[in-house]
Amino acid sequence: MPIIDVTLIDGRTPERKAALIRELTDAAERVLGVPRESIRVLLRELPAENWGVGGEPKAASRS
């Protein structure tokens, strides 16, 4: 059973997260040749202040 674990900065819409889950599932099914029912996708969301980029919290930057 493939498990795809993705960590994101929070703030994306439920629709975008659903689309990501679909696309990752499609890719795993195609590349690995496993039934989609066996594929698990985990989305872990972190607040921007818990995400560092270039030594600074992401919440402090504009990009």
C-alpha atoms as a PDB file:
ATOM      1  CA  MET A   1       0.000   0.000   0.000  1.00  0.00           C
ATOM      2  CA  PRO A   2       1.704   3.233  -1.142  1.00  0.00           C
ATOM      3  CA  ILE A   3       1.484   6.132   1.312  1.00  0.00           C
ATOM      4  CA  ILE A   4       2.183   9.603  -0.056  1.00  0.00           C
ATOM      5  CA  ASP A   5       2.897  12.088   2.735  1.00  0.00           C
ATOM      6  CA  VAL A   6       2.830  15.787   1.788  1.00  0.00           C
ATOM      7  CA  THR A   7       3.588  18.710   4.097  1.00  0.00           C
ATOM      8  CA  LEU A   8       2.187  22.107   3.093  1.00  0.00           C
ATOM      9  CA  ILE A   9       1.877  25.577   4.514  1.00  0.00           C
ATOM     10  CA  ASP A  10      -1.768  25.918   5.491  1.00  0.00           C
ATOM     11  CA  GLY A  11      -4.208  28.123   3.640  1.00  0.00           C
ATOM     12  CA  ARG A  12      -5.167  26.174   0.529  1.00  0.00           C
ATOM     13  CA  THR A  13      -8.819  25.635  -0.292  1.00  0.00           C
ATOM     14  CA  PRO A  14     -10.491  22.254   0.143  1.00  0.00           C
ATOM     15  CA  GLU A  15     -10.904  22.140  -3.647  1.00  0.00           C
ATOM     16  CA  ARG A  16      -7.175  22.552  -4.278  1.00  0.00           C
ATOM     17  CA  LYS A  17      -6.345  19.905  -1.676  1.00  0.00           C
ATOM     18  CA  ALA A  18      -8.853  17.500  -3.245  1.00  0.00           C
ATOM     19  CA  ALA A  19      -7.291  18.134  -6.672  1.00  0.00           C
ATOM     20  CA  LEU A  20      -3.817  17.446  -5.273  1.00  0.00           C
ATOM     21  CA  ILE A  21      -5.004  14.182  -3.723  1.00  0.00           C
ATOM     22  CA  ARG A  22      -6.558  13.114  -7.058  1.00  0.00           C
ATOM     23  CA  GLU A  23      -3.463  13.985  -9.083  1.00  0.00           C
ATOM     24  CA  LEU A  24      -1.068  12.249  -6.687  1.00  0.00           C
ATOM     25  CA  THR A  25      -3.305   9.178  -6.657  1.00  0.00           C
ATOM     26  CA  ASP A  26      -3.475   9.157 -10.476  1.00  0.00           C
ATOM     27  CA  ALA A  27       0.324   9.390 -10.715  1.00  0.00           C
ATOM     28  CA  ALA A  28       0.950   6.612  -8.190  1.00  0.00           C
ATOM     29  CA  GLU A  29      -1.575   4.360  -9.887  1.00  0.00           C
ATOM     30  CA  ARG A  30       0.007   4.960 -13.304  1.00  0.00           C
ATOM     31  CA  VAL A  31       3.665   4.753 -12.270  1.00  0.00           C
ATOM     32  CA  LEU A  32       3.485   2.029  -9.631  1.00  0.00           C
ATOM     33  CA  GLY A  33       0.752  -0.049 -11.250  1.00  0.00           C
ATOM     34  CA  VAL A  34      -1.198  -0.470  -8.024  1.00  0.00           C
ATOM     35  CA  PRO A  35      -4.974  -0.231  -7.549  1.00  0.00           C
ATOM     36  CA  ARG A  36      -6.043   3.273  -6.527  1.00  0.00           C
ATOM     37  CA  GLU A  37      -7.993   1.837  -3.598  1.00  0.00           C
ATOM     38  CA  SER A  38      -4.661   0.868  -2.027  1.00  0.00           C
ATOM     39  CA  ILE A  39      -3.136   4.365  -2.309  1.00  0.00           C
ATOM     40  CA  ARG A  40      -3.176   6.663   0.705  1.00  0.00           C
ATOM     41  CA  VAL A  41      -2.436  10.400   0.542  1.00  0.00           C
ATOM     42  CA  LEU A  42      -1.770  12.330   3.743  1.00  0.00           C
ATOM     43  CA  LEU A  43      -1.782  16.124   3.730  1.00  0.00           C
ATOM     44  CA  ARG A  44      -0.101  17.731   6.717  1.00  0.00           C
ATOM     45  CA  GLU A  45      -0.628  21.453   7.056  1.00  0.00           C
ATOM     46  CA  LEU A  46       1.649  23.696   9.087  1.00  0.00           C
ATOM     47  CA  PRO A  47       1.042  27.324   9.978  1.00  0.00           C
ATOM     48  CA  ALA A  48       3.382  29.718   8.161  1.00  0.00           C
ATOM     49  CA  GLU A  49       5.025  30.731  11.440  1.00  0.00           C
ATOM     50  CA  ASN A  50       6.201  27.113  11.842  1.00  0.00           C
ATOM     51  CA  TRP A  51       7.850  27.053   8.404  1.00  0.00           C
ATOM     52  CA  GLY A  52      11.299  28.572   7.877  1.00  0.00           C
ATOM     53  CA  VAL A  53      12.729  29.766   4.569  1.00  0.00           C
ATOM     54  CA  GLY A  54      16.205  31.270   4.365  1.00  0.00           C
ATOM     55  CA  GLY A  55      16.491  31.525   8.131  1.00  0.00           C
ATOM     56  CA  GLU A  56      13.215  33.409   8.573  1.00  0.00           C
ATOM     57  CA  PRO A  57       9.671  32.261   9.360  1.00  0.00           C
ATOM     58  CA  LYS A  58       7.605  32.036   6.186  1.00  0.00           C
ATOM     59  CA  ALA A  59       4.954  34.196   7.867  1.00  0.00           C
ATOM     60  CA  ALA A  60       7.463  37.092   7.909  1.00  0.00           C
ATOM     61  CA  SER A  61       8.055  36.955   4.147  1.00  0.00           C
ATOM     62  CA  ARG A  62       5.829  37.837   1.220  1.00  0.00           C
ATOM     63  CA  SER A  63       6.823  34.915  -1.032  1.00  0.00           C
END
